[in-house]
Amino acid sequence: MRRLSPAARIRYFFAALTAGAAMLGTTALLVPSSAAAPGGNCTFYSDESHDTVVGQYGRDCCNNRIAWGTTTQHYECGGCFTCTPPPR
């Protein structure tokens, strides 16, 4: 059996290291991000007539965090908030 030279060993080592890093990077890009949980999206109203919105908490359909206003005992949870691009 033929032995590898030290230079060939180093080349094979770095080739394997590069291939492993490429596979790890590809795997990291393919992992799905956590989706917004519609059940955790709540809209809060000023009274039981649900006419005036006073706050919203949760995530929109683009998975951006939504948190504004106040919480009250009058609320509805579920659905997906409208996805709006962040301000620039």
C-alpha atoms as a PDB file:
ATOM      1  CA  MET A   1       0.000   0.000   0.000  1.00  0.00           C
ATOM      2  CA  ARG A   2       1.289   3.400  -0.976  1.00  0.00           C
ATOM      3  CA  ARG A   3       1.678   6.053   1.743  1.00  0.00           C
ATOM      4  CA  LEU A   4       0.564   9.650   1.272  1.00  0.00           C
ATOM      5  CA  SER A   5       3.122  12.405   1.459  1.00  0.00           C
ATOM      6  CA  PRO A   6       2.728  15.009   4.201  1.00  0.00           C
ATOM      7  CA  ALA A   7       1.744  17.626   1.589  1.00  0.00           C
ATOM      8  CA  ALA A   8      -1.005  15.357   0.210  1.00  0.00           C
ATOM      9  CA  ARG A   9      -2.290  14.694   3.736  1.00  0.00           C
ATOM     10  CA  ILE A  10      -2.563  18.419   4.368  1.00  0.00           C
ATOM     11  CA  ARG A  11      -4.398  18.948   1.057  1.00  0.00           C
ATOM     12  CA  TYR A  12      -6.867  16.136   1.833  1.00  0.00           C
ATOM     13  CA  PHE A  13      -7.377  17.463   5.356  1.00  0.00           C
ATOM     14  CA  PHE A  14      -8.235  20.965   4.136  1.00  0.00           C
ATOM     15  CA  ALA A  15     -10.430  19.595   1.338  1.00  0.00           C
ATOM     16  CA  ALA A  16     -12.413  17.562   3.895  1.00  0.00           C
ATOM     17  CA  LEU A  17     -12.571  20.557   6.248  1.00  0.00           C
ATOM     18  CA  THR A  18     -13.881  22.795   3.454  1.00  0.00           C
ATOM     19  CA  ALA A  19     -16.467  20.207   2.382  1.00  0.00           C
ATOM     20  CA  GLY A  20     -17.648  19.807   5.997  1.00  0.00           C
ATOM     21  CA  ALA A  21     -17.981  23.571   6.433  1.00  0.00           C
ATOM     22  CA  ALA A  22     -19.955  23.825   3.182  1.00  0.00           C
ATOM     23  CA  MET A  23     -22.343  21.057   4.309  1.00  0.00           C
ATOM     24  CA  LEU A  24     -22.797  22.677   7.715  1.00  0.00           C
ATOM     25  CA  GLY A  25     -23.469  26.075   6.141  1.00  0.00           C
ATOM     26  CA  THR A  26     -25.986  24.604   3.694  1.00  0.00           C
ATOM     27  CA  THR A  27     -27.769  22.792   6.516  1.00  0.00           C
ATOM     28  CA  ALA A  28     -27.975  26.000   8.559  1.00  0.00           C
ATOM     29  CA  LEU A  29     -29.574  27.814   5.627  1.00  0.00           C
ATOM     30  CA  LEU A  30     -32.173  25.093   5.118  1.00  0.00           C
ATOM     31  CA  VAL A  31     -33.438  25.064   8.716  1.00  0.00           C
ATOM     32  CA  PRO A  32     -36.880  26.708   8.719  1.00  0.00           C
ATOM     33  CA  SER A  33     -37.326  29.788  10.842  1.00  0.00           C
ATOM     34  CA  SER A  34     -39.953  29.719  13.546  1.00  0.00           C
ATOM     35  CA  ALA A  35     -43.318  30.659  12.136  1.00  0.00           C
ATOM     36  CA  ALA A  36     -45.654  33.153  13.732  1.00  0.00           C
ATOM     37  CA  ALA A  37     -48.132  31.511  16.088  1.00  0.00           C
ATOM     38  CA  PRO A  38     -51.539  32.969  15.151  1.00  0.00           C
ATOM     39  CA  GLY A  39     -53.057  31.833  18.464  1.00  0.00           C
ATOM     40  CA  GLY A  40     -50.636  34.151  20.284  1.00  0.00           C
ATOM     41  CA  ASN A  41     -51.644  37.224  18.301  1.00  0.00           C
ATOM     42  CA  CYS A  42     -54.073  39.270  20.375  1.00  0.00           C
ATOM     43  CA  THR A  43     -55.889  42.528  19.652  1.00  0.00           C
ATOM     44  CA  PHE A  44     -57.101  44.495  22.685  1.00  0.00           C
ATOM     45  CA  TYR A  45     -60.198  46.733  22.688  1.00  0.00           C
ATOM     46  CA  SER A  46     -61.322  49.595  24.920  1.00  0.00           C
ATOM     47  CA  ASP A  47     -64.645  47.931  25.860  1.00  0.00           C
ATOM     48  CA  GLU A  48     -66.771  44.858  25.181  1.00  0.00           C
ATOM     49  CA  SER A  49     -68.256  46.352  21.984  1.00  0.00           C
ATOM     50  CA  HIS A  50     -64.804  45.827  20.338  1.00  0.00           C
ATOM     51  CA  ASP A  51     -65.081  49.097  18.413  1.00  0.00           C
ATOM     52  CA  THR A  52     -61.832  50.819  19.463  1.00  0.00           C
ATOM     53  CA  VAL A  53     -58.495  48.987  19.233  1.00  0.00           C
ATOM     54  CA  VAL A  54     -56.127  50.005  22.054  1.00  0.00           C
ATOM     55  CA  GLY A  55     -53.292  47.520  21.493  1.00  0.00           C
ATOM     56  CA  GLN A  56     -51.894  44.509  19.647  1.00  0.00           C
ATOM     57  CA  TYR A  57     -49.327  41.943  20.745  1.00  0.00           C
ATOM     58  CA  GLY A  58     -47.831  38.992  18.875  1.00  0.00           C
ATOM     59  CA  ARG A  59     -46.191  38.538  15.464  1.00  0.00           C
ATOM     60  CA  ASP A  60     -47.267  39.459  11.957  1.00  0.00           C
ATOM     61  CA  CYS A  61     -47.278  37.047   8.997  1.00  0.00           C
ATOM     62  CA  CYS A  62     -43.647  37.993   8.214  1.00  0.00           C
ATOM     63  CA  ASN A  63     -42.692  36.971  11.774  1.00  0.00           C
ATOM     64  CA  ASN A  64     -41.948  40.564  12.855  1.00  0.00           C
ATOM     65  CA  ARG A  65     -42.746  41.308  16.494  1.00  0.00           C
ATOM     66  CA  ILE A  66     -45.847  43.465  17.069  1.00  0.00           C
ATOM     67  CA  ALA A  67     -46.204  45.100  20.479  1.00  0.00           C
ATOM     68  CA  TRP A  68     -47.998  48.386  20.958  1.00  0.00           C
ATOM     69  CA  GLY A  69     -50.707  49.943  23.098  1.00  0.00           C
ATOM     70  CA  THR A  70     -52.234  48.609  26.292  1.00  0.00           C
ATOM     71  CA  THR A  71     -53.800  45.343  27.357  1.00  0.00           C
ATOM     72  CA  THR A  72     -57.382  45.160  28.598  1.00  0.00           C
ATOM     73  CA  GLN A  73     -59.792  42.433  29.614  1.00  0.00           C
ATOM     74  CA  HIS A  74     -61.530  42.854  26.239  1.00  0.00           C
ATOM     75  CA  TYR A  75     -59.517  41.063  23.567  1.00  0.00           C
ATOM     76  CA  GLU A  76     -59.571  38.611  20.672  1.00  0.00           C
ATOM     77  CA  CYS A  77     -56.703  36.263  19.854  1.00  0.00           C
ATOM     78  CA  GLY A  78     -55.943  34.408  16.658  1.00  0.00           C
ATOM     79  CA  GLY A  79     -55.294  35.131  13.027  1.00  0.00           C
ATOM     80  CA  CYS A  80     -52.299  36.785  11.497  1.00  0.00           C
ATOM     81  CA  PHE A  81     -51.551  40.499  11.704  1.00  0.00           C
ATOM     82  CA  THR A  82     -50.972  42.251   8.374  1.00  0.00           C
ATOM     83  CA  CYS A  83     -47.353  42.062   7.333  1.00  0.00           C
ATOM     84  CA  THR A  84     -45.863  45.538   6.967  1.00  0.00           C
ATOM     85  CA  PRO A  85     -42.232  46.185   6.081  1.00  0.00           C
ATOM     86  CA  PRO A  86     -40.145  47.676   8.885  1.00  0.00           C
ATOM     87  CA  PRO A  87     -39.420  51.433   8.697  1.00  0.00           C
ATOM     88  CA  ARG A  88     -36.228  52.451   6.927  1.00  0.00           C
END
